[in-house]
């Protein structure tokens, strides 16, 4: 990206909750935390100070399928960014005292997540849809699983997952390609070779299931989940268009019917989730406890209307243009470009170029969207997860609506 002054460097590792055994739940995320606590040559404070000294941004995240360590700096500081990230991954101390202290931090993160009923509902619908599958567990693990980790168990897990064949380094922005190649081989050449075990593919279970999480919250947080498409399935582009029409913007059906016309929610939206081999679509609304059954019914009515009557040409054109523009604008960011190519290369084995992805989106037709309506919006395939004070909800009606 020759017009940029920044460079974004990201290291992607096939280390996520889908690879964890039951006793390892939360380990991928915990390792992401602990690697920042110090290396053989840098303390945690020195890591932070060195990045602050160059005005850069250093961070990491863990998802169900991977862990990513990334930095965004001016192009003149790219070597420093590469050096720090490689140091974290290859020469972390994994100090026993740091591990014990970090258990407290991650336990607090679990509690914080549990205190957010919207997060509980959105995580809960995934766990319900994929019950018993590798993508079902929360990436944070549980307090019990985290507190059982030992230094040796973390080392053993890293030996399995942090391998050269399961790692992708993605860079976007301003850099000299030849110098960068030499720099990366110098810093990461010592990484353990080979690949770890592949995960067992996940698949959505049967529909008609409902679960409630009782929380001391004045709103009911409703998630209705239904089948979608994996990242290897080009039908996901039609799903993006459908999701935008249903609840992806202010002109979407759910926003207009539930918020604007009925005043029953402040927040309502839809979003697709795609893993390598599977995916799902979620419709969400947060509403007062007494209105939970009515809002559930309104969501289902809109989904049924779209399945029965399809979407209009105006909705289709608007959704496609919004998606196209959103993608093009995101490609102006070095961090977004680095993220897009790195994740695709790691999980799909190919880093699709911007032009090819735009062409795939532009190629979506009304017929493509219509082809997925029966499968995705079939009420017999839907499940629901609701978080909030169950004593104030009409849970029986919600169950009846979902179970049919």
Protein backbone atom coordinates (compact mmCIF):
# COMPACT_ATOMS: atom_id res chain seq x y z
CA UNK A 1 0.00 0.00 0.00
CA UNK A 2 2.50 2.62 -1.24
CA UNK A 3 0.42 5.65 -0.27
CA UNK A 4 0.47 4.69 3.41
CA UNK A 5 3.02 5.59 6.07
CA UNK A 6 1.96 2.83 8.44
CA UNK A 7 2.64 -0.89 8.44
CA UNK A 8 0.52 -3.50 10.20
CA UNK A 9 2.19 -6.76 11.18
CA UNK A 10 0.14 -9.72 12.41
CA UNK A 11 1.10 -13.24 13.44
CA UNK A 12 -1.76 -15.75 13.20
CA UNK A 13 -1.60 -19.11 14.96
CA UNK A 14 -4.02 -22.05 14.81
CA UNK A 15 -4.58 -21.85 18.53
CA UNK A 16 -8.21 -21.38 19.53
CA UNK A 17 -10.94 -23.00 21.57
CA UNK A 18 -11.82 -25.44 18.75
CA UNK A 19 -8.48 -27.21 19.35
CA UNK A 20 -8.82 -27.56 23.11
CA UNK A 21 -9.61 -30.71 25.06
CA UNK A 22 -12.02 -30.29 27.97
CA UNK A 23 -9.23 -29.81 30.51
CA UNK A 24 -7.67 -27.21 28.19
CA UNK A 25 -10.75 -24.98 27.85
CA UNK A 26 -9.56 -21.37 27.88
CA UNK A 27 -5.89 -22.26 27.37
CA UNK A 28 -5.47 -20.58 23.97
CA UNK A 29 -6.79 -17.33 25.40
CA UNK A 30 -4.75 -17.66 28.60
CA UNK A 31 -1.53 -18.16 26.63
CA UNK A 32 -2.30 -15.03 24.61
CA UNK A 33 -2.40 -13.15 27.93
CA UNK A 34 0.67 -14.68 29.54
CA UNK A 35 2.99 -14.11 26.56
CA UNK A 36 2.79 -10.36 27.27
CA UNK A 37 4.09 -10.83 30.82
CA UNK A 38 7.75 -10.90 29.91
CA UNK A 39 10.39 -12.57 27.76
CA UNK A 40 14.00 -13.61 28.32
CA UNK A 41 15.15 -10.06 27.51
CA UNK A 42 12.10 -7.85 28.15
CA UNK A 43 9.89 -7.33 31.18
CA UNK A 44 6.17 -6.62 30.70
CA UNK A 45 6.80 -2.94 31.39
CA UNK A 46 9.67 -2.82 28.90
CA UNK A 47 7.48 -4.35 26.18
CA UNK A 48 4.90 -1.63 26.77
CA UNK A 49 7.51 1.16 26.97
CA UNK A 50 9.30 0.12 23.77
CA UNK A 51 6.09 0.20 21.79
CA UNK A 52 5.00 3.49 23.36
CA UNK A 53 8.40 4.98 22.53
CA UNK A 54 7.68 4.57 18.81
CA UNK A 55 4.01 5.59 19.06
CA UNK A 56 2.83 2.17 17.96
CA UNK A 57 -0.04 -0.09 18.94
CA UNK A 58 0.59 -3.66 20.13
CA UNK A 59 -2.18 -6.09 21.04
CA UNK A 60 -3.58 -9.58 20.58
CA UNK A 61 -6.86 -11.47 20.54
CA UNK A 62 -8.08 -15.05 20.63
CA UNK A 63 -11.03 -16.41 18.69
CA UNK A 64 -12.50 -19.89 18.44
CA UNK A 65 -10.24 -20.75 15.49
CA UNK A 66 -7.03 -18.77 16.00
CA UNK A 67 -4.90 -16.41 18.06
CA UNK A 68 -3.49 -13.23 16.54
CA UNK A 69 -0.67 -10.98 17.79
CA UNK A 70 -0.47 -7.68 15.92
CA UNK A 71 1.20 -4.29 15.84
CA UNK A 72 0.61 -1.12 13.85
CA UNK A 73 3.56 1.28 13.51
CA UNK A 74 5.09 3.79 11.16
CA UNK A 75 6.99 2.08 8.35
CA UNK A 76 10.31 3.25 9.81
CA UNK A 77 9.61 1.18 12.96
CA UNK A 78 8.54 -2.10 11.36
CA UNK A 79 11.68 -3.93 12.47
CA UNK A 80 10.98 -3.05 16.10
CA UNK A 81 7.43 -4.36 15.79
CA UNK A 82 8.59 -7.64 14.25
CA UNK A 83 11.28 -8.03 16.93
CA UNK A 84 8.84 -7.53 19.81
CA UNK A 85 6.17 -9.88 18.46
CA UNK A 86 8.71 -12.62 17.71
CA UNK A 87 10.14 -12.19 21.21
CA UNK A 88 6.70 -12.65 22.77
CA UNK A 89 5.94 -15.80 20.82
CA UNK A 90 9.36 -17.51 20.81
CA UNK A 91 11.03 -16.40 24.04
CA UNK A 92 8.33 -15.84 26.64
CA UNK A 93 9.42 -16.65 30.20
CA UNK A 94 6.11 -18.24 31.23
CA UNK A 95 7.00 -17.33 34.79
CA UNK A 96 5.12 -19.38 37.40
CA UNK A 97 4.31 -16.29 39.49
CA UNK A 98 2.99 -14.43 36.47
CA UNK A 99 0.82 -17.42 35.59
CA UNK A 100 -0.76 -17.49 39.05
CA UNK A 101 -1.46 -13.74 38.98
CA UNK A 102 -2.90 -13.93 35.48
CA UNK A 103 -5.35 -16.60 36.57
CA UNK A 104 -6.97 -13.91 38.71
CA UNK A 105 -7.11 -11.49 35.76
CA UNK A 106 -8.72 -14.02 33.43
CA UNK A 107 -11.16 -15.13 36.13
CA UNK A 108 -12.25 -11.50 36.46
CA UNK A 109 -12.64 -11.35 32.67
CA UNK A 110 -14.93 -14.40 32.83
CA UNK A 111 -16.99 -12.72 35.56
CA UNK A 112 -17.14 -9.47 33.59
CA UNK A 113 -18.40 -11.33 30.53
CA UNK A 114 -20.98 -13.12 32.67
CA UNK A 115 -22.21 -9.74 33.95
CA UNK A 116 -23.09 -8.64 30.39
CA UNK A 117 -26.38 -10.35 29.46
CA UNK A 118 -26.03 -9.28 25.81
CA UNK A 119 -22.66 -11.05 25.65
CA UNK A 120 -24.14 -14.05 27.47
CA UNK A 121 -26.96 -14.28 24.93
CA UNK A 122 -24.72 -13.95 21.88
CA UNK A 123 -22.25 -16.51 23.21
CA UNK A 124 -25.10 -18.71 24.38
CA UNK A 125 -26.73 -19.01 20.97
CA UNK A 126 -23.48 -20.32 19.50
CA UNK A 127 -23.14 -22.87 22.30
CA UNK A 128 -26.76 -23.95 21.82
CA UNK A 129 -26.58 -24.26 18.03
CA UNK A 130 -23.35 -26.28 18.22
CA UNK A 131 -24.00 -28.17 21.43
CA UNK A 132 -21.38 -30.89 21.85
CA UNK A 133 -19.22 -29.56 18.99
CA UNK A 134 -15.75 -28.02 19.04
CA UNK A 135 -16.97 -24.44 18.45
CA UNK A 136 -19.47 -24.54 21.32
CA UNK A 137 -17.26 -23.73 24.37
CA UNK A 138 -16.52 -20.14 25.33
CA UNK A 139 -12.97 -19.08 24.42
CA UNK A 140 -12.41 -17.83 28.00
CA UNK A 141 -12.92 -21.24 29.55
CA UNK A 142 -14.26 -21.52 33.10
CA UNK A 143 -12.84 -20.42 36.43
CA UNK A 144 -12.19 -24.09 37.25
CA UNK A 145 -10.40 -24.89 33.99
CA UNK A 146 -8.26 -21.74 34.14
CA UNK A 147 -7.23 -22.25 37.75
CA UNK A 148 -6.11 -25.80 36.95
CA UNK A 149 -3.52 -24.64 34.38
CA UNK A 150 0.14 -25.25 35.22
CA UNK A 151 3.30 -23.93 33.62
CA UNK A 152 3.97 -27.35 32.13
CA UNK A 153 0.46 -27.72 30.71
CA UNK A 154 0.85 -24.34 28.97
CA UNK A 155 4.25 -25.37 27.55
CA UNK A 156 2.82 -28.68 26.33
CA UNK A 157 -0.09 -26.90 24.62
CA UNK A 158 2.21 -24.38 22.94
CA UNK A 159 4.40 -27.23 21.70
CA UNK A 160 1.32 -28.68 19.97
CA UNK A 161 -0.15 -25.49 18.53
CA UNK A 162 2.63 -22.90 18.04
CA UNK A 163 4.25 -24.50 15.00
CA UNK A 164 5.53 -23.02 11.76
CA UNK A 165 3.10 -24.98 9.61
CA UNK A 166 0.17 -23.59 11.62
CA UNK A 167 1.38 -19.98 11.60
CA UNK A 168 0.88 -17.16 9.11
CA UNK A 169 2.58 -13.76 9.21
CA UNK A 170 0.64 -11.08 7.36
CA UNK A 171 1.88 -7.56 6.68
CA UNK A 172 0.10 -4.68 4.96
CA UNK A 173 1.12 -1.07 4.40
CA UNK A 174 4.45 0.53 3.59
CA UNK A 175 7.51 -1.74 3.57
CA UNK A 176 10.41 -2.99 1.48
CA UNK A 177 9.56 -6.57 0.48
CA UNK A 178 13.14 -7.90 0.30
CA UNK A 179 14.13 -6.40 3.65
CA UNK A 180 10.92 -7.63 5.23
CA UNK A 181 11.46 -11.20 4.00
CA UNK A 182 14.96 -11.26 5.46
CA UNK A 183 13.75 -9.73 8.71
CA UNK A 184 10.94 -12.29 9.17
CA UNK A 185 13.20 -15.28 8.46
CA UNK A 186 15.73 -13.90 10.93
CA UNK A 187 13.19 -13.38 13.71
CA UNK A 188 10.89 -16.38 13.18
CA UNK A 189 13.24 -18.95 11.61
CA UNK A 190 13.67 -20.74 14.92
CA UNK A 191 9.96 -21.51 15.26
CA UNK A 192 9.18 -25.19 15.78
CA UNK A 193 8.37 -26.85 12.43
CA UNK A 194 5.37 -29.00 11.51
CA UNK A 195 1.67 -28.78 12.21
CA UNK A 196 -0.59 -29.71 15.09
CA UNK A 197 -3.60 -32.00 15.08
CA UNK A 198 -6.56 -30.87 12.99
CA UNK A 199 -9.80 -30.15 14.78
CA UNK A 200 -12.99 -32.20 14.44
CA UNK A 201 -15.40 -30.28 12.16
CA UNK A 202 -18.50 -28.81 13.80
CA UNK A 203 -22.07 -28.90 12.51
CA UNK A 204 -25.28 -27.20 13.63
CA UNK A 205 -27.64 -29.43 15.60
CA UNK A 206 -31.38 -29.76 15.40
CA UNK A 207 -33.66 -26.74 15.58
CA UNK A 208 -36.46 -26.01 18.03
CA UNK A 209 -34.23 -25.76 21.09
CA UNK A 210 -34.58 -22.91 23.62
CA UNK A 211 -32.36 -21.97 26.56
CA UNK A 212 -32.57 -19.22 29.17
CA UNK A 213 -29.83 -17.66 31.29
CA UNK A 214 -31.31 -16.10 34.42
CA UNK A 215 -29.58 -12.78 35.04
CA UNK A 216 -30.43 -9.82 37.26
CA UNK A 217 -31.12 -7.57 34.26
CA UNK A 218 -34.13 -5.43 33.42
CA UNK A 219 -33.99 -6.36 29.74
CA UNK A 220 -34.44 -9.66 27.96
CA UNK A 221 -31.59 -10.20 25.50
CA UNK A 222 -32.98 -12.40 22.76
CA UNK A 223 -30.86 -14.25 20.20
CA UNK A 224 -32.45 -16.39 17.51
CA UNK A 225 -29.93 -18.50 15.62
CA UNK A 226 -30.32 -20.27 12.30
CA UNK A 227 -28.08 -22.08 9.78
CA UNK A 228 -25.58 -20.09 7.74
CA UNK A 229 -22.52 -20.88 5.68
CA UNK A 230 -18.84 -21.47 6.33
CA UNK A 231 -16.00 -19.32 5.05
CA UNK A 232 -15.30 -21.85 2.29
CA UNK A 233 -18.86 -21.56 0.93
CA UNK A 234 -19.48 -18.75 -1.56
CA UNK A 235 -23.12 -18.65 -0.45
CA UNK A 236 -21.85 -16.63 2.47
CA UNK A 237 -21.91 -13.57 0.18
CA UNK A 238 -25.65 -13.99 -0.36
CA UNK A 239 -25.93 -14.40 3.42
CA UNK A 240 -24.18 -11.05 3.93
CA UNK A 241 -26.76 -9.37 1.70
CA UNK A 242 -29.67 -11.11 3.45
CA UNK A 243 -28.33 -10.20 6.91
CA UNK A 244 -28.01 -6.56 5.89
CA UNK A 245 -31.62 -6.50 4.68
CA UNK A 246 -32.93 -8.15 7.83
CA UNK A 247 -31.00 -6.25 10.48
CA UNK A 248 -27.72 -4.83 9.28
CA UNK A 249 -28.57 -1.13 9.11
CA UNK A 250 -31.07 1.55 10.14
CA UNK A 251 -33.29 0.87 7.12
CA UNK A 252 -33.35 -2.88 7.84
CA UNK A 253 -36.57 -4.72 8.54
CA UNK A 254 -35.97 -5.50 12.21
CA UNK A 255 -34.79 -1.98 13.00
CA UNK A 256 -37.82 -0.42 11.31
CA UNK A 257 -40.47 -2.81 12.68
CA UNK A 258 -39.24 -3.31 16.23
CA UNK A 259 -37.59 0.00 17.06
CA UNK A 260 -39.05 2.64 14.76
CA UNK A 261 -42.65 1.42 14.36
CA UNK A 262 -43.22 -0.29 17.72
CA UNK A 263 -40.67 1.34 20.02
CA UNK A 264 -39.95 -2.02 21.68
CA UNK A 265 -36.14 -2.03 21.54
CA UNK A 266 -33.19 0.32 21.42
CA UNK A 267 -30.85 -2.29 19.94
CA UNK A 268 -31.86 -4.88 17.35
CA UNK A 269 -29.67 -6.32 14.61
CA UNK A 270 -28.61 -9.42 12.68
CA UNK A 271 -25.11 -10.70 11.94
CA UNK A 272 -23.59 -13.74 10.23
CA UNK A 273 -20.80 -15.83 11.76
CA UNK A 274 -18.60 -17.99 9.55
CA UNK A 275 -16.10 -20.58 10.71
CA UNK A 276 -13.96 -22.57 8.28
CA UNK A 277 -16.50 -25.34 7.72
CA UNK A 278 -19.78 -24.01 9.12
CA UNK A 279 -21.67 -20.84 10.00
CA UNK A 280 -24.87 -19.36 11.36
CA UNK A 281 -27.02 -16.22 11.31
CA UNK A 282 -28.14 -14.48 14.50
CA UNK A 283 -31.07 -12.11 15.00
CA UNK A 284 -30.80 -10.11 18.25
CA UNK A 285 -33.02 -7.72 20.19
CA UNK A 286 -32.85 -6.29 23.71
CA UNK A 287 -36.24 -5.39 25.20
CA UNK A 288 -38.12 -5.04 28.49
CA UNK A 289 -38.90 -8.31 30.22
CA UNK A 290 -42.64 -7.97 29.70
CA UNK A 291 -42.12 -7.51 25.97
CA UNK A 292 -39.79 -10.47 25.42
CA UNK A 293 -42.43 -12.80 23.97
CA UNK A 294 -43.88 -10.09 21.72
CA UNK A 295 -40.44 -9.12 20.36
CA UNK A 296 -39.60 -12.78 19.78
CA UNK A 297 -42.82 -13.08 17.78
CA UNK A 298 -42.04 -9.94 15.77
CA UNK A 299 -38.57 -11.23 14.87
CA UNK A 300 -40.00 -14.57 13.77
CA UNK A 301 -42.70 -12.82 11.76
CA UNK A 302 -40.11 -10.79 9.85
CA UNK A 303 -38.03 -13.87 9.17
CA UNK A 304 -41.13 -15.73 7.99
CA UNK A 305 -42.13 -12.81 5.75
CA UNK A 306 -38.70 -12.76 4.10
CA UNK A 307 -38.81 -16.52 3.57
CA UNK A 308 -42.33 -16.40 2.11
CA UNK A 309 -42.14 -13.27 -0.02
CA UNK A 310 -38.40 -12.78 -0.56
CA UNK A 311 -36.74 -9.38 -0.50
CA UNK A 312 -37.42 -6.42 -2.76
CA UNK A 313 -35.16 -5.18 -5.53
CA UNK A 314 -34.68 -1.91 -3.65
CA UNK A 315 -33.60 -3.76 -0.47
CA UNK A 316 -31.28 -5.98 -2.49
CA UNK A 317 -29.59 -3.10 -4.30
CA UNK A 318 -29.20 -1.06 -1.10
CA UNK A 319 -27.71 -3.99 0.83
CA UNK A 320 -25.21 -4.85 -1.89
CA UNK A 321 -24.03 -1.28 -2.21
CA UNK A 322 -23.66 -0.92 1.55
CA UNK A 323 -21.61 -4.11 1.72
CA UNK A 324 -19.45 -3.11 -1.25
CA UNK A 325 -18.72 0.36 0.11
CA UNK A 326 -18.08 -0.95 3.62
CA UNK A 327 -15.54 -3.45 2.32
CA UNK A 328 -13.76 -0.92 0.11
CA UNK A 329 -13.51 1.57 2.97
CA UNK A 330 -12.13 -1.11 5.30
CA UNK A 331 -9.42 -1.87 2.74
CA UNK A 332 -8.01 1.62 3.22
CA UNK A 333 -6.81 0.51 6.68
CA UNK A 334 -3.48 -1.31 6.85
CA UNK A 335 -4.63 -3.23 9.93
CA UNK A 336 -7.86 -4.35 8.22
CA UNK A 337 -5.97 -5.50 5.12
CA UNK A 338 -3.40 -7.35 7.21
CA UNK A 339 -6.19 -9.01 9.17
CA UNK A 340 -8.15 -10.03 6.08
CA UNK A 341 -5.27 -11.67 4.23
CA UNK A 342 -3.73 -13.30 7.31
CA UNK A 343 -6.89 -14.93 8.62
CA UNK A 344 -7.89 -16.19 5.16
CA UNK A 345 -4.44 -17.66 4.52
CA UNK A 346 -4.42 -19.40 7.92
CA UNK A 347 -7.93 -20.87 7.87
CA UNK A 348 -8.65 -21.25 4.15
CA UNK A 349 -5.18 -21.65 2.68
CA UNK A 350 -5.56 -18.64 0.41
CA UNK A 351 -5.30 -14.88 0.86
CA UNK A 352 -7.97 -13.60 -1.53
CA UNK A 353 -7.23 -10.27 -3.09
CA UNK A 354 -9.50 -7.27 -2.64
CA UNK A 355 -10.58 -7.20 -6.29
CA UNK A 356 -11.64 -10.89 -6.27
CA UNK A 357 -13.71 -10.50 -3.12
CA UNK A 358 -15.47 -7.41 -4.47
CA UNK A 359 -16.25 -9.31 -7.68
CA UNK A 360 -17.76 -12.16 -5.65
CA UNK A 361 -19.94 -9.74 -3.72
CA UNK A 362 -20.97 -7.88 -6.86
CA UNK A 363 -21.84 -11.19 -8.53
CA UNK A 364 -24.51 -12.01 -5.93
CA UNK A 365 -27.94 -11.98 -7.58
CA UNK A 366 -31.50 -11.82 -6.27
CA UNK A 367 -31.76 -15.49 -7.21
CA UNK A 368 -28.73 -16.30 -5.01
CA UNK A 369 -30.45 -14.72 -2.01
CA UNK A 370 -33.74 -16.44 -2.80
CA UNK A 371 -31.92 -19.79 -3.00
CA UNK A 372 -30.81 -19.60 0.64
CA UNK A 373 -34.11 -18.37 2.13
CA UNK A 374 -35.76 -21.78 2.63
CA UNK A 375 -32.72 -23.33 4.28
CA UNK A 376 -31.67 -20.42 6.46
CA UNK A 377 -35.07 -19.05 7.47
CA UNK A 378 -36.81 -22.38 8.00
CA UNK A 379 -38.37 -22.03 11.48
CA UNK A 380 -37.78 -25.72 12.18
CA UNK A 381 -34.01 -25.03 12.02
CA UNK A 382 -34.06 -22.13 14.50
CA UNK A 383 -32.98 -22.06 18.13
CA UNK A 384 -33.23 -19.28 20.71
CA UNK A 385 -31.16 -18.20 23.69
CA UNK A 386 -32.51 -15.52 26.04
CA UNK A 387 -30.61 -13.86 28.90
CA UNK A 388 -32.34 -11.76 31.56
CA UNK A 389 -34.54 -12.01 34.62
CA UNK A 390 -36.63 -15.02 33.65
CA UNK A 391 -39.22 -14.38 36.37
CA UNK A 392 -40.37 -11.31 34.42
CA UNK A 393 -40.64 -13.06 31.03
CA UNK A 394 -43.34 -15.17 29.43
CA UNK A 395 -40.92 -18.04 28.90
CA UNK A 396 -43.65 -20.51 27.95
CA UNK A 397 -44.75 -18.38 25.01
CA UNK A 398 -41.16 -17.91 23.86
CA UNK A 399 -40.62 -21.68 23.95
CA UNK A 400 -43.88 -22.28 22.07
CA UNK A 401 -42.94 -19.77 19.38
CA UNK A 402 -39.55 -21.37 18.77
CA UNK A 403 -40.64 -24.99 19.04
CA UNK A 404 -43.62 -24.39 16.76
